[in-house]
Structure formats: C-alpha cells, structure tokens
C-alpha cells in the first residue's frame, strides 16, 4: 500500500515542547539512505516553508487566493515522503524513524488508489 508521510515542523510560537534545534541535514541524509535502501521510497522532497498559497473556490465560483503560511498555524508542512509498504504498521514504523517525528510530527496518510475494473 502507498502512504504519504507529511513532515510537519512546529511553528516557532508553538507551545508544544520540542528540542531547541530541528533535525540536522545528516539525520535526514541517513533516513533518506535507509528508506531508499529498503526499497520503500517512491518519492520525497523538502518544501519551501517560507511561502505558500491557498486557493478556495466559493459557492458563487469566486476564487479566493491567500498567501501564507499563517502565523497562527501550530505546524507547517516541511516535506513529504511517498512510500510503498505492506501495511499501516510498516508506514508508522517509517514515520517514527523519520527525524521530523522528533522535532514536530509526521502525519501518515493512506494514498487512495481507485480499484481498476
């Protein structure tokens, strides 16, 4: 099954207890090597956390575009990994090994794949 691991970093004003510094490049390089060597990594990238744009289309068809990220947000999506593993337990194991889980959260989402007739 495919799972998306969304790496969320705590925003600077978050009240949640976190280590003073975030994960190091070396920690992510080691994780990247482990997840790639295991053959479960399909894709993954860090995201620019300094900007984002949100699009909403309202009932009247009006498109509302808002710049972000927003200061009131407790966490900011900093990157992702797309993995292919046998089950949710395996996905949770990889999420726990991700350096981002020690400095924020890693949200695990099942990738919906339509059933082919």
PDB file of N, CA and C in Angstrom:
ATOM      1  N   UNK A   1       0.847  -1.181   0.000  1.00  0.00           N
ATOM      2  CA  UNK A   1       0.000   0.000   0.000  1.00  0.00           C
ATOM      3  C   UNK A   1       0.887   1.236   0.000  1.00  0.00           C
ATOM      4  N   UNK A   2       0.356   2.285  -0.584  1.00  0.00           N
ATOM      5  CA  UNK A   2       1.105   3.539  -0.615  1.00  0.00           C
ATOM      6  C   UNK A   2       0.626   4.448   0.514  1.00  0.00           C
ATOM      7  N   UNK A   3       1.611   5.094   1.132  1.00  0.00           N
ATOM      8  CA  UNK A   3       1.333   6.029   2.222  1.00  0.00           C
ATOM      9  C   UNK A   3       2.135   7.302   1.992  1.00  0.00           C
ATOM     10  N   UNK A   4       1.547   8.419   2.376  1.00  0.00           N
ATOM     11  CA  UNK A   4       2.225   9.693   2.341  1.00  0.00           C
ATOM     12  C   UNK A   4       2.600  10.064   3.764  1.00  0.00           C
ATOM     13  N   UNK A   5       3.880  10.320   3.985  1.00  0.00           N
ATOM     14  CA  UNK A   5       4.352  10.783   5.290  1.00  0.00           C
ATOM     15  C   UNK A   5       4.538  12.290   5.174  1.00  0.00           C
ATOM     16  N   UNK A   6       3.666  13.054   5.817  1.00  0.00           N
ATOM     17  CA  UNK A   6       3.754  14.515   5.796  1.00  0.00           C
ATOM     18  C   UNK A   6       4.548  14.972   7.011  1.00  0.00           C
ATOM     19  N   UNK A   7       5.673  15.601   6.768  1.00  0.00           N
ATOM     20  CA  UNK A   7       6.556  16.037   7.845  1.00  0.00           C
ATOM     21  C   UNK A   7       6.168  17.454   8.242  1.00  0.00           C
ATOM     22  N   UNK A   8       5.659  17.593   9.458  1.00  0.00           N
ATOM     23  CA  UNK A   8       5.223  18.892   9.973  1.00  0.00           C
ATOM     24  C   UNK A   8       6.213  19.372  11.019  1.00  0.00           C
ATOM     25  N   UNK A   9       6.687  20.589  10.857  1.00  0.00           N
ATOM     26  CA  UNK A   9       7.564  21.164  11.862  1.00  0.00           C
ATOM     27  C   UNK A   9       6.748  22.115  12.721  1.00  0.00           C
ATOM     28  N   UNK A  10       7.070  22.170  13.991  1.00  0.00           N
ATOM     29  CA  UNK A  10       6.364  23.072  14.901  1.00  0.00           C
ATOM     30  C   UNK A  10       6.715  24.503  14.541  1.00  0.00           C
ATOM     31  N   UNK A  11       5.711  25.368  14.512  1.00  0.00           N
ATOM     32  CA  UNK A  11       5.983  26.779  14.241  1.00  0.00           C
ATOM     33  C   UNK A  11       6.686  27.371  15.464  1.00  0.00           C
ATOM     34  N   UNK A  12       7.463  28.432  15.263  1.00  0.00           N
ATOM     35  CA  UNK A  12       8.243  28.999  16.361  1.00  0.00           C
ATOM     36  C   UNK A  12       7.436  29.396  17.590  1.00  0.00           C
ATOM     37  N   UNK A  13       6.161  29.748  17.419  1.00  0.00           N
ATOM     38  CA  UNK A  13       5.362  30.184  18.560  1.00  0.00           C
ATOM     39  C   UNK A  13       4.532  29.051  19.163  1.00  0.00           C
ATOM     40  N   UNK A  14       4.776  27.816  18.743  1.00  0.00           N
ATOM     41  CA  UNK A  14       4.035  26.675  19.271  1.00  0.00           C
ATOM     42  C   UNK A  14       4.357  26.480  20.748  1.00  0.00           C
ATOM     43  N   UNK A  15       3.353  26.076  21.527  1.00  0.00           N
ATOM     44  CA  UNK A  15       3.570  25.836  22.953  1.00  0.00           C
ATOM     45  C   UNK A  15       4.006  24.401  23.229  1.00  0.00           C
ATOM     46  N   UNK A  16       4.021  23.560  22.198  1.00  0.00           N
ATOM     47  CA  UNK A  16       4.417  22.165  22.371  1.00  0.00           C
ATOM     48  C   UNK A  16       5.915  22.081  22.659  1.00  0.00           C
ATOM     49  N   UNK A  17       6.289  21.208  23.597  1.00  0.00           N
ATOM     50  CA  UNK A  17       7.703  21.052  23.935  1.00  0.00           C
ATOM     51  C   UNK A  17       8.433  20.336  22.822  1.00  0.00           C
ATOM     52  N   UNK A  18       9.464  20.979  22.305  1.00  0.00           N
ATOM     53  CA  UNK A  18      10.289  20.422  21.245  1.00  0.00           C
ATOM     54  C   UNK A  18      11.743  20.730  21.575  1.00  0.00           C
ATOM     55  N   UNK A  19      12.670  19.945  21.032  1.00  0.00           N
ATOM     56  CA  UNK A  19      14.079  20.305  21.192  1.00  0.00           C
ATOM     57  C   UNK A  19      14.321  21.696  20.612  1.00  0.00           C
ATOM     58  N   UNK A  20      15.307  22.392  21.141  1.00  0.00           N
ATOM     59  CA  UNK A  20      15.583  23.766  20.719  1.00  0.00           C
ATOM     60  C   UNK A  20      15.924  23.857  19.237  1.00  0.00           C
ATOM     61  N   UNK A  21      16.627  22.858  18.717  1.00  0.00           N
ATOM     62  CA  UNK A  21      17.012  22.876  17.311  1.00  0.00           C
ATOM     63  C   UNK A  21      16.303  21.758  16.568  1.00  0.00           C
ATOM     64  N   UNK A  22      16.113  21.956  15.288  1.00  0.00           N
ATOM     65  CA  UNK A  22      15.450  20.952  14.470  1.00  0.00           C
ATOM     66  C   UNK A  22      16.400  19.858  14.018  1.00  0.00           C
ATOM     67  N   UNK A  23      15.910  18.954  13.183  1.00  0.00           N
ATOM     68  CA  UNK A  23      16.747  17.865  12.706  1.00  0.00           C
ATOM     69  C   UNK A  23      17.890  18.394  11.839  1.00  0.00           C
ATOM     70  N   UNK A  24      18.993  17.684  11.861  1.00  0.00           N
ATOM     71  CA  UNK A  24      20.141  18.087  11.065  1.00  0.00           C
ATOM     72  C   UNK A  24      20.050  17.483   9.671  1.00  0.00           C
ATOM     73  N   UNK A  25      20.814  18.057   8.768  1.00  0.00           N
ATOM     74  CA  UNK A  25      20.880  17.508   7.418  1.00  0.00           C
ATOM     75  C   UNK A  25      21.393  16.079   7.457  1.00  0.00           C
ATOM     76  N   UNK A  26      22.336  15.804   8.343  1.00  0.00           N
ATOM     77  CA  UNK A  26      22.903  14.460   8.456  1.00  0.00           C
ATOM     78  C   UNK A  26      21.840  13.437   8.865  1.00  0.00           C
ATOM     79  N   UNK A  27      20.938  13.846   9.774  1.00  0.00           N
ATOM     80  CA  UNK A  27      19.865  12.939  10.191  1.00  0.00           C
ATOM     81  C   UNK A  27      18.954  12.599   9.013  1.00  0.00           C
ATOM     82  N   UNK A  28      18.617  13.597   8.213  1.00  0.00           N
ATOM     83  CA  UNK A  28      17.753  13.344   7.066  1.00  0.00           C
ATOM     84  C   UNK A  28      18.484  12.564   5.976  1.00  0.00           C
ATOM     85  N   UNK A  29      19.783  12.799   5.805  1.00  0.00           N
ATOM     86  CA  UNK A  29      20.557  12.033   4.826  1.00  0.00           C
ATOM     87  C   UNK A  29      20.583  10.562   5.222  1.00  0.00           C
ATOM     88  N   UNK A  30      20.776  10.284   6.504  1.00  0.00           N
ATOM     89  CA  UNK A  30      20.789   8.902   6.986  1.00  0.00           C
ATOM     90  C   UNK A  30      19.411   8.257   6.802  1.00  0.00           C
ATOM     91  N   UNK A  31      18.341   8.996   7.097  1.00  0.00           N
ATOM     92  CA  UNK A  31      16.985   8.463   6.913  1.00  0.00           C
ATOM     93  C   UNK A  31      16.711   8.221   5.436  1.00  0.00           C
ATOM     94  N   UNK A  32      17.117   9.169   4.609  1.00  0.00           N
ATOM     95  CA  UNK A  32      16.936   9.035   3.161  1.00  0.00           C
ATOM     96  C   UNK A  32      17.631   7.772   2.644  1.00  0.00           C
ATOM     97  N   UNK A  33      18.828   7.520   3.131  1.00  0.00           N
ATOM     98  CA  UNK A  33      19.564   6.318   2.726  1.00  0.00           C
ATOM     99  C   UNK A  33      18.835   5.055   3.196  1.00  0.00           C
ATOM    100  N   UNK A  34      18.377   5.047   4.436  1.00  0.00           N
ATOM    101  CA  UNK A  34      17.693   3.871   4.983  1.00  0.00           C
ATOM    102  C   UNK A  34      16.402   3.571   4.227  1.00  0.00           C
ATOM    103  N   UNK A  35      15.619   4.585   3.972  1.00  0.00           N
ATOM    104  CA  UNK A  35      14.320   4.382   3.317  1.00  0.00           C
ATOM    105  C   UNK A  35      14.500   4.005   1.844  1.00  0.00           C
ATOM    106  N   UNK A  36      15.558   4.531   1.216  1.00  0.00           N
ATOM    107  CA  UNK A  36      15.852   4.179  -0.173  1.00  0.00           C
ATOM    108  C   UNK A  36      16.437   2.769  -0.266  1.00  0.00           C
ATOM    109  N   UNK A  37      17.384   2.451   0.626  1.00  0.00           N
ATOM    110  CA  UNK A  37      17.997   1.119   0.630  1.00  0.00           C
ATOM    111  C   UNK A  37      16.967   0.024   0.885  1.00  0.00           C
ATOM    112  N   UNK A  38      15.940   0.342   1.674  1.00  0.00           N
ATOM    113  CA  UNK A  38      14.885  -0.631   1.965  1.00  0.00           C
ATOM    114  C   UNK A  38      13.943  -0.832   0.771  1.00  0.00           C
ATOM    115  N   UNK A  39      14.050   0.055  -0.214  1.00  0.00           N
ATOM    116  CA  UNK A  39      13.219  -0.070  -1.414  1.00  0.00           C
ATOM    117  C   UNK A  39      11.784   0.374  -1.242  1.00  0.00           C
ATOM    118  N   UNK A  40      11.487   1.150  -0.211  1.00  0.00           N
ATOM    119  CA  UNK A  40      10.102   1.571   0.017  1.00  0.00           C
ATOM    120  C   UNK A  40       9.845   3.015  -0.412  1.00  0.00           C
ATOM    121  N   UNK A  41      10.888   3.797  -0.634  1.00  0.00           N
ATOM    122  CA  UNK A  41      10.721   5.203  -1.013  1.00  0.00           C
ATOM    123  C   UNK A  41      10.344   5.308  -2.489  1.00  0.00           C
ATOM    124  N   UNK A  42       9.207   5.954  -2.758  1.00  0.00           N
ATOM    125  CA  UNK A  42       8.787   6.217  -4.126  1.00  0.00           C
ATOM    126  C   UNK A  42       9.117   7.643  -4.530  1.00  0.00           C
ATOM    127  N   UNK A  43       9.024   8.569  -3.567  1.00  0.00           N
ATOM    128  CA  UNK A  43       9.277   9.985  -3.826  1.00  0.00           C
ATOM    129  C   UNK A  43       9.428  10.686  -2.492  1.00  0.00           C
ATOM    130  N   UNK A  44       9.939  11.877  -2.511  1.00  0.00           N
ATOM    131  CA  UNK A  44      10.052  12.671  -1.294  1.00  0.00           C
ATOM    132  C   UNK A  44      10.827  13.938  -1.558  1.00  0.00           C
ATOM    133  N   UNK A  45      10.402  15.011  -0.937  1.00  0.00           N
ATOM    134  CA  UNK A  45      11.070  16.300  -1.116  1.00  0.00           C
ATOM    135  C   UNK A  45      10.837  17.180   0.102  1.00  0.00           C
ATOM    136  N   UNK A  46      11.792  18.053   0.354  1.00  0.00           N
ATOM    137  CA  UNK A  46      11.590  19.124   1.328  1.00  0.00           C
ATOM    138  C   UNK A  46      10.776  20.210   0.622  1.00  0.00           C
ATOM    139  N   UNK A  47       9.992  20.944   1.382  1.00  0.00           N
ATOM    140  CA  UNK A  47       9.184  22.023   0.824  1.00  0.00           C
ATOM    141  C   UNK A  47       9.663  23.360   1.357  1.00  0.00           C
ATOM    142  N   UNK A  48       9.488  24.400   0.552  1.00  0.00           N
ATOM    143  CA  UNK A  48       9.821  25.763   0.974  1.00  0.00           C
ATOM    144  C   UNK A  48       8.816  26.173   2.038  1.00  0.00           C
ATOM    145  N   UNK A  49       9.293  26.370   3.257  1.00  0.00           N
ATOM    146  CA  UNK A  49       8.379  26.699   4.354  1.00  0.00           C
ATOM    147  C   UNK A  49       8.163  28.199   4.513  1.00  0.00           C
ATOM    148  N   UNK A  50       8.820  29.007   3.690  1.00  0.00           N
ATOM    149  CA  UNK A  50       8.683  30.451   3.843  1.00  0.00           C
ATOM    150  C   UNK A  50       7.496  31.021   3.081  1.00  0.00           C
ATOM    151  N   UNK A  51       6.936  30.236   2.157  1.00  0.00           N
ATOM    152  CA  UNK A  51       5.777  30.760   1.446  1.00  0.00           C
ATOM    153  C   UNK A  51       4.832  29.626   1.068  1.00  0.00           C
ATOM    154  N   UNK A  52       3.593  29.984   0.889  1.00  0.00           N
ATOM    155  CA  UNK A  52       2.549  29.050   0.464  1.00  0.00           C
ATOM    156  C   UNK A  52       1.385  29.876  -0.065  1.00  0.00           C
ATOM    157  N   UNK A  53       0.573  29.275  -0.880  1.00  0.00           N
ATOM    158  CA  UNK A  53      -0.614  29.941  -1.389  1.00  0.00           C
ATOM    159  C   UNK A  53      -1.792  28.986  -1.246  1.00  0.00           C
ATOM    160  N   UNK A  54      -2.882  29.489  -0.701  1.00  0.00           N
ATOM    161  CA  UNK A  54      -4.091  28.691  -0.506  1.00  0.00           C
ATOM    162  C   UNK A  54      -5.154  29.180  -1.478  1.00  0.00           C
ATOM    163  N   UNK A  55      -5.805  28.236  -2.147  1.00  0.00           N
ATOM    164  CA  UNK A  55      -6.874  28.568  -3.089  1.00  0.00           C
ATOM    165  C   UNK A  55      -8.176  27.964  -2.583  1.00  0.00           C
ATOM    166  N   UNK A  56      -9.218  28.787  -2.552  1.00  0.00           N
ATOM    167  CA  UNK A  56     -10.560  28.329  -2.198  1.00  0.00           C
ATOM    168  C   UNK A  56     -11.510  28.835  -3.278  1.00  0.00           C
ATOM    169  N   UNK A  57     -12.432  27.992  -3.713  1.00  0.00           N
ATOM    170  CA  UNK A  57     -13.463  28.426  -4.648  1.00  0.00           C
ATOM    171  C   UNK A  57     -14.780  28.379  -3.896  1.00  0.00           C
ATOM    172  N   UNK A  58     -15.455  29.506  -3.832  1.00  0.00           N
ATOM    173  CA  UNK A  58     -16.695  29.638  -3.087  1.00  0.00           C
ATOM    174  C   UNK A  58     -17.894  29.253  -3.942  1.00  0.00           C
ATOM    175  N   UNK A  59     -19.045  29.173  -3.304  1.00  0.00           N
ATOM    176  CA  UNK A  59     -20.274  28.712  -3.964  1.00  0.00           C
ATOM    177  C   UNK A  59     -20.551  29.508  -5.238  1.00  0.00           C
ATOM    178  N   UNK A  60     -20.314  30.801  -5.210  1.00  0.00           N
ATOM    179  CA  UNK A  60     -20.591  31.638  -6.374  1.00  0.00           C
ATOM    180  C   UNK A  60     -19.511  31.526  -7.453  1.00  0.00           C
ATOM    181  N   UNK A  61     -18.553  30.615  -7.266  1.00  0.00           N
ATOM    182  CA  UNK A  61     -17.481  30.418  -8.224  1.00  0.00           C
ATOM    183  C   UNK A  61     -16.302  31.356  -8.038  1.00  0.00           C
ATOM    184  N   UNK A  62     -16.401  32.241  -7.028  1.00  0.00           N
ATOM    185  CA  UNK A  62     -15.317  33.186  -6.782  1.00  0.00           C
ATOM    186  C   UNK A  62     -14.099  32.451  -6.239  1.00  0.00           C
ATOM    187  N   UNK A  63     -12.958  32.726  -6.831  1.00  0.00           N
ATOM    188  CA  UNK A  63     -11.702  32.138  -6.384  1.00  0.00           C
ATOM    189  C   UNK A  63     -11.053  33.080  -5.376  1.00  0.00           C
ATOM    190  N   UNK A  64     -10.745  32.540  -4.196  1.00  0.00           N
ATOM    191  CA  UNK A  64     -10.094  33.323  -3.148  1.00  0.00           C
ATOM    192  C   UNK A  64      -8.692  32.762  -2.969  1.00  0.00           C
ATOM    193  N   UNK A  65      -7.695  33.597  -3.174  1.00  0.00           N
ATOM    194  CA  UNK A  65      -6.295  33.191  -3.057  1.00  0.00           C
ATOM    195  C   UNK A  65      -5.683  33.929  -1.878  1.00  0.00           C
ATOM    196  N   UNK A  66      -5.071  33.163  -0.978  1.00  0.00           N
ATOM    197  CA  UNK A  66      -4.476  33.741   0.222  1.00  0.00           C
ATOM    198  C   UNK A  66      -3.024  33.292   0.325  1.00  0.00           C
ATOM    199  N   UNK A  67      -2.145  34.242   0.606  1.00  0.00           N
ATOM    200  CA  UNK A  67      -0.740  33.898   0.825  1.00  0.00           C
ATOM    201  C   UNK A  67      -0.550  33.396   2.229  1.00  0.00           C
ATOM    202  N   UNK A  68       0.463  32.583   2.450  1.00  0.00           N
ATOM    203  CA  UNK A  68       0.746  32.027   3.771  1.00  0.00           C
ATOM    204  C   UNK A  68       2.206  31.675   3.838  1.00  0.00           C
ATOM    205  N   UNK A  69       2.680  30.821   4.680  1.00  0.00           N
ATOM    206  CA  UNK A  69       1.913  30.161   5.729  1.00  0.00           C
ATOM    207  C   UNK A  69       1.468  31.160   6.790  1.00  0.00           C
ATOM    208  N   UNK A  70       0.567  30.729   7.629  1.00  0.00           N
ATOM    209  CA  UNK A  70      -0.065  31.624   8.573  1.00  0.00           C
ATOM    210  C   UNK A  70       0.586  31.519   9.940  1.00  0.00           C
ATOM    211  N   UNK A  71       0.794  32.642  10.581  1.00  0.00           N
ATOM    212  CA  UNK A  71       1.449  32.679  11.886  1.00  0.00           C
ATOM    213  C   UNK A  71       0.671  31.895  12.938  1.00  0.00           C
ATOM    214  N   UNK A  72      -0.651  31.857  12.831  1.00  0.00           N
ATOM    215  CA  UNK A  72      -1.443  31.171  13.848  1.00  0.00           C
ATOM    216  C   UNK A  72      -1.414  29.644  13.696  1.00  0.00           C
ATOM    217  N   UNK A  73      -0.812  29.148  12.627  1.00  0.00           N
ATOM    218  CA  UNK A  73      -0.708  27.712  12.416  1.00  0.00           C
ATOM    219  C   UNK A  73       0.317  27.128  13.376  1.00  0.00           C
ATOM    220  N   UNK A  74      -0.051  26.042  14.061  1.00  0.00           N
ATOM    221  CA  UNK A  74       0.853  25.423  15.026  1.00  0.00           C
ATOM    222  C   UNK A  74       1.957  24.625  14.345  1.00  0.00           C
ATOM    223  N   UNK A  75       1.655  24.084  13.175  1.00  0.00           N
ATOM    224  CA  UNK A  75       2.643  23.305  12.448  1.00  0.00           C
ATOM    225  C   UNK A  75       2.633  23.698  10.977  1.00  0.00           C
ATOM    226  N   UNK A  76       3.806  23.540  10.347  1.00  0.00           N
ATOM    227  CA  UNK A  76       3.962  23.881   8.943  1.00  0.00           C
ATOM    228  C   UNK A  76       4.486  22.643   8.223  1.00  0.00           C
ATOM    229  N   UNK A  77       3.873  22.276   7.087  1.00  0.00           N
ATOM    230  CA  UNK A  77       4.347  21.130   6.325  1.00  0.00           C
ATOM    231  C   UNK A  77       5.704  21.485   5.732  1.00  0.00           C
ATOM    232  N   UNK A  78       6.716  20.707   6.117  1.00  0.00           N
ATOM    233  CA  UNK A  78       8.083  20.985   5.675  1.00  0.00           C
ATOM    234  C   UNK A  78       8.584  20.038   4.610  1.00  0.00           C
ATOM    235  N   UNK A  79       7.863  18.937   4.381  1.00  0.00           N
ATOM    236  CA  UNK A  79       8.290  17.983   3.371  1.00  0.00           C
ATOM    237  C   UNK A  79       7.431  16.740   3.416  1.00  0.00           C
ATOM    238  N   UNK A  80       7.769  15.789   2.560  1.00  0.00           N
ATOM    239  CA  UNK A  80       6.976  14.556   2.498  1.00  0.00           C
ATOM    240  C   UNK A  80       7.813  13.421   1.944  1.00  0.00           C
ATOM    241  N   UNK A  81       7.370  12.227   2.237  1.00  0.00           N
ATOM    242  CA  UNK A  81       7.863  11.008   1.604  1.00  0.00           C
ATOM    243  C   UNK A  81       6.650  10.216   1.147  1.00  0.00           C
ATOM    244  N   UNK A  82       6.715   9.682  -0.055  1.00  0.00           N
ATOM    245  CA  UNK A  82       5.720   8.749  -0.548  1.00  0.00           C
ATOM    246  C   UNK A  82       6.374   7.380  -0.491  1.00  0.00           C
ATOM    247  N   UNK A  83       5.754   6.464   0.256  1.00  0.00           N
ATOM    248  CA  UNK A  83       6.350   5.142   0.438  1.00  0.00           C
ATOM    249  C   UNK A  83       5.360   4.058   0.036  1.00  0.00           C
ATOM    250  N   UNK A  84       5.899   2.898  -0.261  1.00  0.00           N
ATOM    251  CA  UNK A  84       5.085   1.731  -0.587  1.00  0.00           C
ATOM    252  C   UNK A  84       5.501   0.609   0.349  1.00  0.00           C
ATOM    253  N   UNK A  85       4.624   0.288   1.292  1.00  0.00           N
ATOM    254  CA  UNK A  85       4.902  -0.722   2.320  1.00  0.00           C
ATOM    255  C   UNK A  85       3.695  -1.646   2.453  1.00  0.00           C
ATOM    256  N   UNK A  86       3.868  -2.795   3.116  1.00  0.00           N
ATOM    257  CA  UNK A  86       2.772  -3.774   3.191  1.00  0.00           C
ATOM    258  C   UNK A  86       1.520  -3.302   3.930  1.00  0.00           C
ATOM    259  N   UNK A  87       1.700  -2.468   4.987  1.00  0.00           N
ATOM    260  CA  UNK A  87       0.532  -2.118   5.799  1.00  0.00           C
ATOM    261  C   UNK A  87       0.805  -0.857   6.622  1.00  0.00           C
ATOM    262  N   UNK A  88      -0.225  -0.430   7.346  1.00  0.00           N
ATOM    263  CA  UNK A  88      -0.131   0.777   8.159  1.00  0.00           C
ATOM    264  C   UNK A  88       0.948   0.657   9.227  1.00  0.00           C
ATOM    265  N   UNK A  89       1.099  -0.500   9.839  1.00  0.00           N
ATOM    266  CA  UNK A  89       2.129  -0.668  10.871  1.00  0.00           C
ATOM    267  C   UNK A  89       3.514  -0.377  10.317  1.00  0.00           C
ATOM    268  N   UNK A  90       3.799  -0.851   9.113  1.00  0.00           N
ATOM    269  CA  UNK A  90       5.098  -0.582   8.496  1.00  0.00           C
ATOM    270  C   UNK A  90       5.256   0.914   8.207  1.00  0.00           C
ATOM    271  N   UNK A  91       4.180   1.559   7.752  1.00  0.00           N
ATOM    272  CA  UNK A  91       4.231   3.001   7.497  1.00  0.00           C
ATOM    273  C   UNK A  91       4.485   3.772   8.790  1.00  0.00           C
ATOM    274  N   UNK A  92       3.841   3.349   9.875  1.00  0.00           N
ATOM    275  CA  UNK A  92       4.049   4.009  11.170  1.00  0.00           C
ATOM    276  C   UNK A  92       5.482   3.817  11.663  1.00  0.00           C
ATOM    277  N   UNK A  93       6.062   2.644  11.403  1.00  0.00           N
ATOM    278  CA  UNK A  93       7.459   2.413  11.779  1.00  0.00           C
ATOM    279  C   UNK A  93       8.389   3.379  11.046  1.00  0.00           C
ATOM    280  N   UNK A  94       8.168   3.564   9.737  1.00  0.00           N
ATOM    281  CA  UNK A  94       8.995   4.511   8.985  1.00  0.00           C
ATOM    282  C   UNK A  94       8.764   5.943   9.465  1.00  0.00           C
ATOM    283  N   UNK A  95       7.530   6.284   9.771  1.00  0.00           N
ATOM    284  CA  UNK A  95       7.237   7.631  10.277  1.00  0.00           C
ATOM    285  C   UNK A  95       7.976   7.889  11.587  1.00  0.00           C
ATOM    286  N   UNK A  96       8.023   6.892  12.455  1.00  0.00           N
ATOM    287  CA  UNK A  96       8.710   7.052  13.738  1.00  0.00           C
ATOM    288  C   UNK A  96      10.219   7.182  13.561  1.00  0.00           C
ATOM    289  N   UNK A  97      10.759   6.589  12.515  1.00  0.00           N
ATOM    290  CA  UNK A  97      12.198   6.678  12.248  1.00  0.00           C
ATOM    291  C   UNK A  97      12.587   8.003  11.607  1.00  0.00           C
ATOM    292  N   UNK A  98      11.623   8.704  11.025  1.00  0.00           N
ATOM    293  CA  UNK A  98      11.896   9.972  10.342  1.00  0.00           C
ATOM    294  C   UNK A  98      12.348  11.018  11.361  1.00  0.00           C
ATOM    295  N   UNK A  99      13.448  11.721  11.091  1.00  0.00           N
ATOM    296  CA  UNK A  99      13.913  12.751  12.035  1.00  0.00           C
ATOM    297  C   UNK A  99      12.858  13.800  12.358  1.00  0.00           C
ATOM    298  N   UNK A 100      11.975  14.076  11.426  1.00  0.00           N
ATOM    299  CA  UNK A 100      10.927  15.062  11.662  1.00  0.00           C
ATOM    300  C   UNK A 100       9.991  14.696  12.789  1.00  0.00           C
ATOM    301  N   UNK A 101       9.870  13.405  13.111  1.00  0.00           N
ATOM    302  CA  UNK A 101       8.960  12.987  14.176  1.00  0.00           C
ATOM    303  C   UNK A 101       9.460  13.397  15.555  1.00  0.00           C
ATOM    304  N   UNK A 102      10.746  13.650  15.672  1.00  0.00           N
ATOM    305  CA  UNK A 102      11.311  14.078  16.959  1.00  0.00           C
ATOM    306  C   UNK A 102      11.282  15.592  17.144  1.00  0.00           C
ATOM    307  N   UNK A 103      11.014  16.325  16.085  1.00  0.00           N
ATOM    308  CA  UNK A 103      11.040  17.789  16.145  1.00  0.00           C
ATOM    309  C   UNK A 103       9.713  18.406  15.725  1.00  0.00           C
ATOM    310  N   UNK A 104       8.736  17.590  15.511  1.00  0.00           N
ATOM    311  CA  UNK A 104       7.410  18.017  15.057  1.00  0.00           C
ATOM    312  C   UNK A 104       6.535  16.785  15.008  1.00  0.00           C
ATOM    313  N   UNK A 105       5.833  16.601  13.907  1.00  0.00           N
ATOM    314  CA  UNK A 105       5.020  15.399  13.735  1.00  0.00           C
ATOM    315  C   UNK A 105       5.193  14.881  12.317  1.00  0.00           C
ATOM    316  N   UNK A 106       4.912  13.596  12.152  1.00  0.00           N
ATOM    317  CA  UNK A 106       4.830  13.013  10.817  1.00  0.00           C
ATOM    318  C   UNK A 106       3.432  12.422  10.704  1.00  0.00           C
ATOM    319  N   UNK A 107       2.639  13.022   9.844  1.00  0.00           N
ATOM    320  CA  UNK A 107       1.272  12.557   9.622  1.00  0.00           C
ATOM    321  C   UNK A 107       1.309  11.481   8.547  1.00  0.00           C
ATOM    322  N   UNK A 108       0.675  10.353   8.814  1.00  0.00           N
ATOM    323  CA  UNK A 108       0.658   9.226   7.882  1.00  0.00           C
ATOM    324  C   UNK A 108      -0.707   9.167   7.226  1.00  0.00           C
ATOM    325  N   UNK A 109      -0.731   9.239   5.904  1.00  0.00           N
ATOM    326  CA  UNK A 109      -1.983   9.205   5.156  1.00  0.00           C
ATOM    327  C   UNK A 109      -1.938   8.088   4.126  1.00  0.00           C
ATOM    328  N   UNK A 110      -3.002   7.303   4.061  1.00  0.00           N
ATOM    329  CA  UNK A 110      -3.128   6.291   3.024  1.00  0.00           C
ATOM    330  C   UNK A 110      -3.393   6.984   1.696  1.00  0.00           C
ATOM    331  N   UNK A 111      -2.682   6.575   0.662  1.00  0.00           N
ATOM    332  CA  UNK A 111      -2.930   7.117  -0.673  1.00  0.00           C
ATOM    333  C   UNK A 111      -4.062   6.312  -1.290  1.00  0.00           C
ATOM    334  N   UNK A 112      -5.114   6.991  -1.630  1.00  0.00           N
ATOM    335  CA  UNK A 112      -6.273   6.322  -2.216  1.00  0.00           C
ATOM    336  C   UNK A 112      -5.963   5.989  -3.668  1.00  0.00           C
ATOM    337  N   UNK A 113      -6.121   4.730  -3.995  1.00  0.00           N
ATOM    338  CA  UNK A 113      -5.922   4.286  -5.367  1.00  0.00           C
ATOM    339  C   UNK A 113      -7.213   3.633  -5.829  1.00  0.00           C
ATOM    340  N   UNK A 114      -7.834   4.181  -6.861  1.00  0.00           N
ATOM    341  CA  UNK A 114      -9.098   3.627  -7.324  1.00  0.00           C
ATOM    342  C   UNK A 114      -8.919   2.175  -7.787  1.00  0.00           C
ATOM    343  N   UNK A 115      -9.924   1.385  -7.536  1.00  0.00           N
ATOM    344  CA  UNK A 115      -9.915  -0.013  -7.949  1.00  0.00           C
ATOM    345  C   UNK A 115     -10.147  -0.067  -9.459  1.00  0.00           C
ATOM    346  N   UNK A 116      -9.269  -0.760 -10.133  1.00  0.00           N
ATOM    347  CA  UNK A 116      -9.410  -0.913 -11.584  1.00  0.00           C
ATOM    348  C   UNK A 116     -10.406  -2.028 -11.888  1.00  0.00           C
ATOM    349  N   UNK A 117     -11.354  -1.776 -12.789  1.00  0.00           N
ATOM    350  CA  UNK A 117     -12.351  -2.822 -13.113  1.00  0.00           C
ATOM    351  C   UNK A 117     -11.725  -3.995 -13.851  1.00  0.00           C
TER     352      UNK A 117
END
